[in-house]
Structures are given as structure tokens and as C-alpha cells.
Amino acid sequence: MSGPYDALCINSFYPKTELNVTEIQEYEKQILIRMKSISKDCRCPKCGYITDKYHGTYIRKVQDLPILGKMVQLEICSHEYECINNDCEVTTFAETFDGFLNTYSRMTERCADFICTLAMESSCEGCARICKALGIKISGDTVIRLLLRKCEVLPGPEVSDVIGVDDFAYKKRHTYGTIIVNEKNHEPITLLDGRNGDTLRDWLKNNKHIKVVTRDRASAYAKVISEELPDAMQVADRFHLHQNLLEAIKKALNHEVPATVNIPHANQSAVIEEPCKKN
């Protein structure tokens, strides 16, 4: 039977079929884990051919999630492969460990996922400070680049046949943009530069399937939608319907109720002056 204080097998935390731990060194603030690739083949990232022809080896240094507050550095002896497809533009390529470590990454995917989750719940600079305290070396700028790289690989948003269009301010009275929203699930589709309708026109040319557009009262949007989607129904959104209603009520009240109404004070009374008595 196993005792209660048996040491954990570090190999179980890494891909067993692709990597083998060869050495572990512990320092005051860092744990260094040396690993060796044991893969037998790899898929070409360009043409998809699977090759088992080795070209060479190289050392990759990457970060992993910390252990008890100590930074974990991995030194991986990885392989380079030669593509066996003569028609492929790629001659040699470095192996990847899909799901654990991707091409050119300086950290494992699980470490990157943790940083992105923390940044979304706090901020990029705040995330960098927390990571430093935990034992992950990263800057706020690197967190931004990591978020952008994660965003690029996400699947594109669904563009339904009912959309909403409105403008917003990056900096009020200076820089504006246009946001397009899927009205069926209320999720943003894309952000466009400017609010004069030029970028909206280019976007609508590639999305002719749209049937209903909710918008504000801007004439620029109305003109572009009418020209690019003549059969689409244009609907005023809820906010501007309320705004129209309030303006109509205000105009009606201004016609019926005077601008100023004199209301006497409740305690106001006539002042009677008594004649002065002479001695």
C-alpha cells in the first residue's frame, strides 16, 4: 500500500506520450524542470503531411504555472522535422505540443489561459502585479498581446439577419466608432471606425442577407442602409423610441402649459399699516 507521504510523479502533469522529465532543480525562487521530447512524428503546419524525418534538436525555455509560489521554468529539448511533401513550401519546422505548448510560445497554454482569465477579471497591469506575486514573470504589455493573440483564434461571431447599429465615443467630441450587434443574442459582432457611414457601407456589402436593422436617428446610417439594403426594414431602437416619446410629450406640454406660472406663497397675507400715534 502507498503511504500518505508518497511524492507526486511530476511526469503525470505533462504529456506522457510527447515529453519525458529528465532533471528537476529547485532554487530559492525558481524550479527548473528539464524535459526531452520523445515524439516520433509531427504534422506539417502548412500542408498537413505527417513526417517522421528528423532535422535536428533545439532547446526551448518556457514558463509554466508556479509551484508553491516559485516560478517554474521548463527547458525542453525539442525536435525539428523535415516536411516529406515535395510540393510544400516549408522545408523544416519545429514540433508543437498541441494543447500544451504551441509554436513560438514562451509559456504553456495552461499558464496563458490562467493569465487571460485573471486579466479579464481585473486589468492587464493588475494581472501582471498579481502574477509577479504568484511567481509568473510577465508585464502588462505582454498580457495585452496575449489577449489579442487569444482573440484572433476565436471563431467569428454569428451575423444574423437582424442587427443593431449605433455609434459610440472612444473619446467624446474627438473620436467615434460604430458598433454592430446581433439582435437575436445581444452579442457584439464588430466595431467599425467612424460614424459617417463609410465603414458601415463596406461592411453591409459583405452581409446582404440582413433583413432588419435597428438604429438611431442618424441620417448617415439611414442613407447607407437604404442604399445597400433597399429591402431591409429599418426600425428605431427602444432608447430612441422613448426619446421620441419624451420629446413629443414635452412639445405638447409646452403648447398647453405656460412657460412660467406664478404661484402665491401659502402664508402670504395683506400687510396693514397702522397710523403712527402722536404724543
Protein backbone atom coordinates (compact mmCIF):
# COMPACT_ATOMS: atom_id res chain seq x y z
CA MET A 1 0.00 0.00 0.00
CA SER A 2 1.11 3.53 -0.68
CA GLY A 3 1.97 5.67 2.30
CA PRO A 4 0.37 9.07 3.00
CA TYR A 5 3.58 10.95 2.18
CA ASP A 6 4.46 9.44 -1.21
CA ALA A 7 5.91 12.02 -3.60
CA LEU A 8 3.89 13.06 -6.63
CA CYS A 9 5.08 11.86 -10.01
CA ILE A 10 5.89 15.07 -11.92
CA ASN A 11 5.53 13.28 -15.26
CA SER A 12 1.79 12.97 -14.69
CA PHE A 13 1.40 16.76 -15.10
CA TYR A 14 2.91 16.78 -18.59
CA PRO A 15 2.07 14.98 -21.88
CA LYS A 16 3.41 11.47 -21.25
CA THR A 17 3.44 10.48 -24.92
CA GLU A 18 5.44 13.53 -26.04
CA LEU A 19 7.64 14.69 -23.15
CA ASN A 20 9.81 13.00 -20.56
CA VAL A 21 11.20 14.74 -17.47
CA THR A 22 14.96 14.21 -17.21
CA GLU A 23 16.00 16.53 -14.35
CA ILE A 24 14.49 18.79 -11.69
CA GLN A 25 16.46 21.50 -9.91
CA GLU A 26 15.00 23.63 -7.11
CA TYR A 27 16.32 27.08 -6.23
CA GLU A 28 15.24 29.74 -3.75
CA LYS A 29 12.70 31.38 -6.08
CA GLN A 30 12.63 29.04 -9.07
CA ILE A 31 12.10 25.41 -10.05
CA LEU A 32 13.88 24.29 -13.22
CA ILE A 33 12.47 21.24 -14.99
CA ARG A 34 14.46 19.79 -17.89
CA MET A 35 12.48 17.73 -20.38
CA LYS A 36 13.13 15.84 -23.59
CA SER A 37 10.78 15.30 -26.48
CA ILE A 38 10.01 11.63 -27.22
CA SER A 39 7.71 12.24 -30.18
CA LYS A 40 8.19 10.05 -33.23
CA ASP A 41 6.46 12.21 -35.85
CA CYS A 42 4.80 15.57 -36.33
CA ARG A 43 2.25 17.19 -38.65
CA CYS A 44 3.43 19.92 -41.02
CA PRO A 45 1.64 23.19 -40.12
CA LYS A 46 1.49 24.20 -43.80
CA CYS A 47 0.37 21.16 -45.81
CA GLY A 48 -0.78 18.81 -43.03
CA TYR A 49 1.52 15.90 -44.00
CA ILE A 50 2.76 13.77 -41.12
CA THR A 51 6.52 13.32 -41.20
CA ASP A 52 8.93 11.26 -39.10
CA LYS A 53 12.10 12.67 -40.65
CA TYR A 54 14.23 14.42 -38.02
CA HIS A 55 16.21 17.54 -38.92
CA GLY A 56 17.73 18.47 -35.57
CA THR A 57 17.08 19.49 -31.97
CA TYR A 58 16.97 22.77 -30.06
CA ILE A 59 16.28 23.95 -26.51
CA ARG A 60 13.03 25.77 -25.74
CA LYS A 61 12.73 27.76 -22.49
CA VAL A 62 9.13 28.38 -21.40
CA GLN A 63 7.21 29.27 -18.26
CA ASP A 64 4.65 27.02 -16.59
CA LEU A 65 2.25 27.57 -13.71
CA PRO A 66 4.11 28.24 -10.43
CA ILE A 67 4.53 25.64 -7.70
CA LEU A 68 4.05 26.94 -4.15
CA GLY A 69 4.89 30.50 -5.22
CA LYS A 70 8.07 29.52 -7.06
CA MET A 71 8.44 30.30 -10.76
CA VAL A 72 8.58 27.14 -12.89
CA GLN A 73 10.91 27.22 -15.88
CA LEU A 74 10.85 24.41 -18.45
CA GLU A 75 13.85 23.58 -20.61
CA ILE A 76 12.58 21.33 -23.39
CA CYS A 77 14.87 19.57 -25.84
CA SER A 78 12.57 19.69 -28.87
CA HIS A 79 12.85 18.26 -32.39
CA GLU A 80 12.84 19.91 -35.76
CA TYR A 81 11.30 17.92 -38.59
CA GLU A 82 11.63 17.98 -42.38
CA CYS A 83 8.48 18.01 -44.46
CA ILE A 84 8.26 14.99 -46.76
CA ASN A 85 5.87 16.72 -49.16
CA ASN A 86 7.94 17.94 -52.12
CA ASP A 87 5.22 20.40 -53.15
CA CYS A 88 5.14 22.08 -49.73
CA GLU A 89 6.75 25.49 -49.28
CA VAL A 90 8.04 24.52 -45.82
CA THR A 91 11.29 22.61 -45.64
CA THR A 92 11.80 22.33 -41.86
CA PHE A 93 9.55 23.17 -38.94
CA ALA A 94 9.64 22.93 -35.16
CA GLU A 95 7.38 20.45 -33.44
CA THR A 96 4.43 21.63 -31.40
CA PHE A 97 2.71 20.05 -28.43
CA ASP A 98 -0.90 20.89 -29.23
CA GLY A 99 -2.92 21.72 -26.17
CA PHE A 100 0.19 22.09 -24.01
CA LEU A 101 2.71 24.23 -25.88
CA ASN A 102 2.29 25.86 -29.28
CA THR A 103 4.74 27.26 -31.80
CA TYR A 104 6.86 30.21 -30.60
CA SER A 105 5.05 30.31 -27.22
CA ARG A 106 7.08 31.47 -24.23
CA MET A 107 4.69 29.82 -21.79
CA THR A 108 2.46 26.76 -21.63
CA GLU A 109 -1.14 27.04 -22.77
CA ARG A 110 -2.49 26.40 -19.27
CA CYS A 111 -0.35 29.24 -17.94
CA ALA A 112 -1.57 31.55 -20.73
CA ASP A 113 -5.20 30.59 -20.04
CA PHE A 114 -4.77 31.42 -16.36
CA ILE A 115 -3.27 34.83 -17.17
CA CYS A 116 -6.06 35.66 -19.64
CA THR A 117 -8.76 34.69 -17.13
CA LEU A 118 -7.13 36.81 -14.43
CA ALA A 119 -6.76 39.78 -16.80
CA MET A 120 -10.43 39.63 -17.81
CA GLU A 121 -11.46 39.72 -14.14
CA SER A 122 -9.06 42.52 -13.16
CA SER A 123 -6.89 44.52 -15.58
CA CYS A 124 -3.73 43.96 -17.58
CA GLU A 125 -1.47 45.89 -15.20
CA GLY A 126 -3.24 44.44 -12.16
CA CYS A 127 -2.88 40.96 -13.62
CA ALA A 128 0.86 41.50 -14.12
CA ARG A 129 1.28 42.56 -10.47
CA ILE A 130 -0.68 39.57 -9.17
CA CYS A 131 1.26 37.18 -11.42
CA LYS A 132 4.54 38.58 -10.08
CA ALA A 133 3.39 37.83 -6.54
CA LEU A 134 2.38 34.30 -7.56
CA GLY A 135 5.64 33.54 -9.35
CA ILE A 136 4.85 34.27 -13.02
CA LYS A 137 7.09 36.73 -14.82
CA ILE A 138 5.04 38.86 -17.21
CA SER A 139 4.40 42.55 -17.97
CA GLY A 140 1.17 44.42 -18.62
CA ASP A 141 2.07 44.89 -22.30
CA THR A 142 2.66 41.16 -22.68
CA VAL A 143 -0.75 40.47 -21.14
CA ILE A 144 -2.33 42.74 -23.78
CA ARG A 145 -0.52 40.92 -26.59
CA LEU A 146 -1.57 37.59 -25.11
CA LEU A 147 -5.23 38.65 -25.02
CA LEU A 148 -5.06 39.90 -28.61
CA ARG A 149 -3.50 36.62 -29.77
CA LYS A 150 -6.21 34.64 -28.00
CA CYS A 151 -8.86 36.86 -29.58
CA GLU A 152 -7.50 36.26 -33.09
CA VAL A 153 -8.02 32.49 -32.87
CA LEU A 154 -11.58 32.72 -31.56
CA PRO A 155 -14.32 31.78 -34.04
CA GLY A 156 -16.01 34.71 -35.73
CA PRO A 157 -19.30 35.95 -34.25
CA GLU A 158 -22.57 34.90 -35.84
CA VAL A 159 -24.13 37.51 -38.13
CA SER A 160 -27.90 37.01 -38.05
CA ASP A 161 -30.46 38.65 -40.33
CA VAL A 162 -31.43 41.09 -37.54
CA ILE A 163 -28.74 43.54 -36.40
CA GLY A 164 -28.46 46.73 -34.39
CA VAL A 165 -26.28 49.70 -35.38
CA ASP A 166 -25.24 52.58 -33.14
CA ASP A 167 -22.35 54.95 -32.61
CA PHE A 168 -20.12 55.28 -29.55
CA ALA A 169 -17.28 57.53 -28.42
CA TYR A 170 -13.71 56.41 -27.91
CA LYS A 171 -13.09 59.98 -26.74
CA LYS A 172 -16.11 62.28 -26.53
CA ARG A 173 -16.18 65.08 -29.13
CA HIS A 174 -12.98 63.69 -30.71
CA THR A 175 -13.04 60.05 -31.87
CA TYR A 176 -16.12 57.95 -32.59
CA GLY A 177 -16.86 54.46 -33.83
CA THR A 178 -19.76 52.27 -34.90
CA ILE A 179 -20.84 49.07 -33.16
CA ILE A 180 -22.89 46.31 -34.79
CA VAL A 181 -24.80 43.91 -32.54
CA ASN A 182 -26.60 40.63 -33.19
CA GLU A 183 -30.12 41.45 -32.02
CA LYS A 184 -31.05 37.78 -31.56
CA ASN A 185 -28.48 37.02 -28.87
CA HIS A 186 -27.44 40.63 -27.99
CA GLU A 187 -23.75 39.90 -28.64
CA PRO A 188 -21.46 42.39 -30.41
CA ILE A 189 -20.43 41.44 -33.94
CA THR A 190 -17.80 44.02 -34.84
CA LEU A 191 -16.52 47.55 -34.22
CA LEU A 192 -16.06 49.95 -37.13
CA ASP A 193 -14.12 53.20 -37.35
CA GLY A 194 -16.03 56.47 -37.59
CA ARG A 195 -19.74 57.15 -37.60
CA ASN A 196 -20.27 58.78 -41.01
CA GLY A 197 -21.42 55.51 -42.59
CA ASP A 198 -18.46 54.81 -44.89
CA THR A 199 -17.16 51.79 -42.95
CA LEU A 200 -20.74 50.60 -42.40
CA ARG A 201 -21.30 50.65 -46.16
CA ASP A 202 -18.27 48.41 -46.77
CA TRP A 203 -19.44 46.00 -44.06
CA LEU A 204 -23.00 45.78 -45.42
CA LYS A 205 -21.72 44.93 -48.91
CA ASN A 206 -20.45 41.62 -47.48
CA ASN A 207 -23.62 40.92 -45.49
CA LYS A 208 -26.50 41.21 -47.93
CA HIS A 209 -28.60 38.62 -46.04
CA ILE A 210 -29.64 41.14 -43.36
CA LYS A 211 -33.40 41.79 -43.28
CA VAL A 212 -33.94 44.05 -40.24
CA VAL A 213 -31.73 46.85 -38.90
CA THR A 214 -32.41 48.69 -35.66
CA ARG A 215 -30.66 52.05 -35.50
CA ASP A 216 -30.70 55.53 -34.02
CA ARG A 217 -31.98 58.62 -35.81
CA ALA A 218 -28.69 59.44 -37.54
CA SER A 219 -29.29 60.29 -41.20
CA ALA A 220 -25.89 58.87 -42.23
CA TYR A 221 -26.84 55.37 -41.12
CA ALA A 222 -30.32 55.62 -42.65
CA LYS A 223 -28.94 56.64 -46.03
CA VAL A 224 -26.30 53.92 -46.18
CA ILE A 225 -28.75 51.18 -45.14
CA SER A 226 -31.32 52.33 -47.71
CA GLU A 227 -28.72 52.28 -50.49
CA GLU A 228 -27.02 48.99 -49.63
CA LEU A 229 -30.06 47.09 -48.30
CA PRO A 230 -33.11 48.59 -50.02
CA ASP A 231 -35.35 45.69 -48.96
CA ALA A 232 -34.29 45.71 -45.30
CA MET A 233 -36.66 47.07 -42.67
CA GLN A 234 -35.24 49.91 -40.58
CA VAL A 235 -36.52 50.09 -37.01
CA ALA A 236 -35.88 52.73 -34.36
CA ASP A 237 -34.40 51.09 -31.29
CA ARG A 238 -36.07 51.18 -27.88
CA PHE A 239 -33.96 54.01 -26.48
CA HIS A 240 -34.75 56.35 -29.36
CA LEU A 241 -38.43 55.39 -29.29
CA HIS A 242 -38.52 56.52 -25.66
CA GLN A 243 -36.60 59.65 -26.60
CA ASN A 244 -39.08 60.44 -29.39
CA LEU A 245 -41.98 59.91 -26.98
CA LEU A 246 -40.49 62.24 -24.36
CA GLU A 247 -39.87 64.94 -26.96
CA ALA A 248 -43.47 64.66 -28.21
CA ILE A 249 -44.83 64.95 -24.64
CA LYS A 250 -42.57 67.92 -23.96
CA LYS A 251 -43.79 69.74 -27.08
CA ALA A 252 -47.44 69.05 -26.19
CA LEU A 253 -46.98 70.36 -22.67
CA ASN A 254 -45.19 73.47 -23.93
CA HIS A 255 -48.24 74.32 -26.07
CA GLU A 256 -50.76 73.82 -23.23
CA VAL A 257 -48.88 74.93 -20.13
CA PRO A 258 -47.39 78.45 -19.85
CA ALA A 259 -43.64 78.67 -19.58
CA THR A 260 -43.91 80.44 -16.20
CA VAL A 261 -46.68 80.13 -13.61
CA ASN A 262 -46.90 82.48 -10.64
CA ILE A 263 -47.90 80.57 -7.52
CA PRO A 264 -48.59 82.70 -4.43
CA HIS A 265 -46.95 81.72 -1.17
CA ALA A 266 -49.27 79.84 1.19
CA ASN A 267 -48.50 82.19 4.14
CA GLN A 268 -48.67 85.34 2.07
CA SER A 269 -51.22 87.85 3.52
CA ALA A 270 -52.07 91.53 3.17
CA VAL A 271 -49.94 93.86 5.23
CA ILE A 272 -51.95 96.56 7.07
CA GLU A 273 -50.03 99.54 8.19
CA GLU A 274 -51.36 101.27 11.32
CA PRO A 275 -51.11 105.09 11.55
CA CYS A 276 -48.49 106.39 13.93
CA LYS A 277 -49.83 107.88 17.15
CA LYS A 278 -48.61 111.31 18.16
CA ASN A 279 -47.81 112.06 21.74
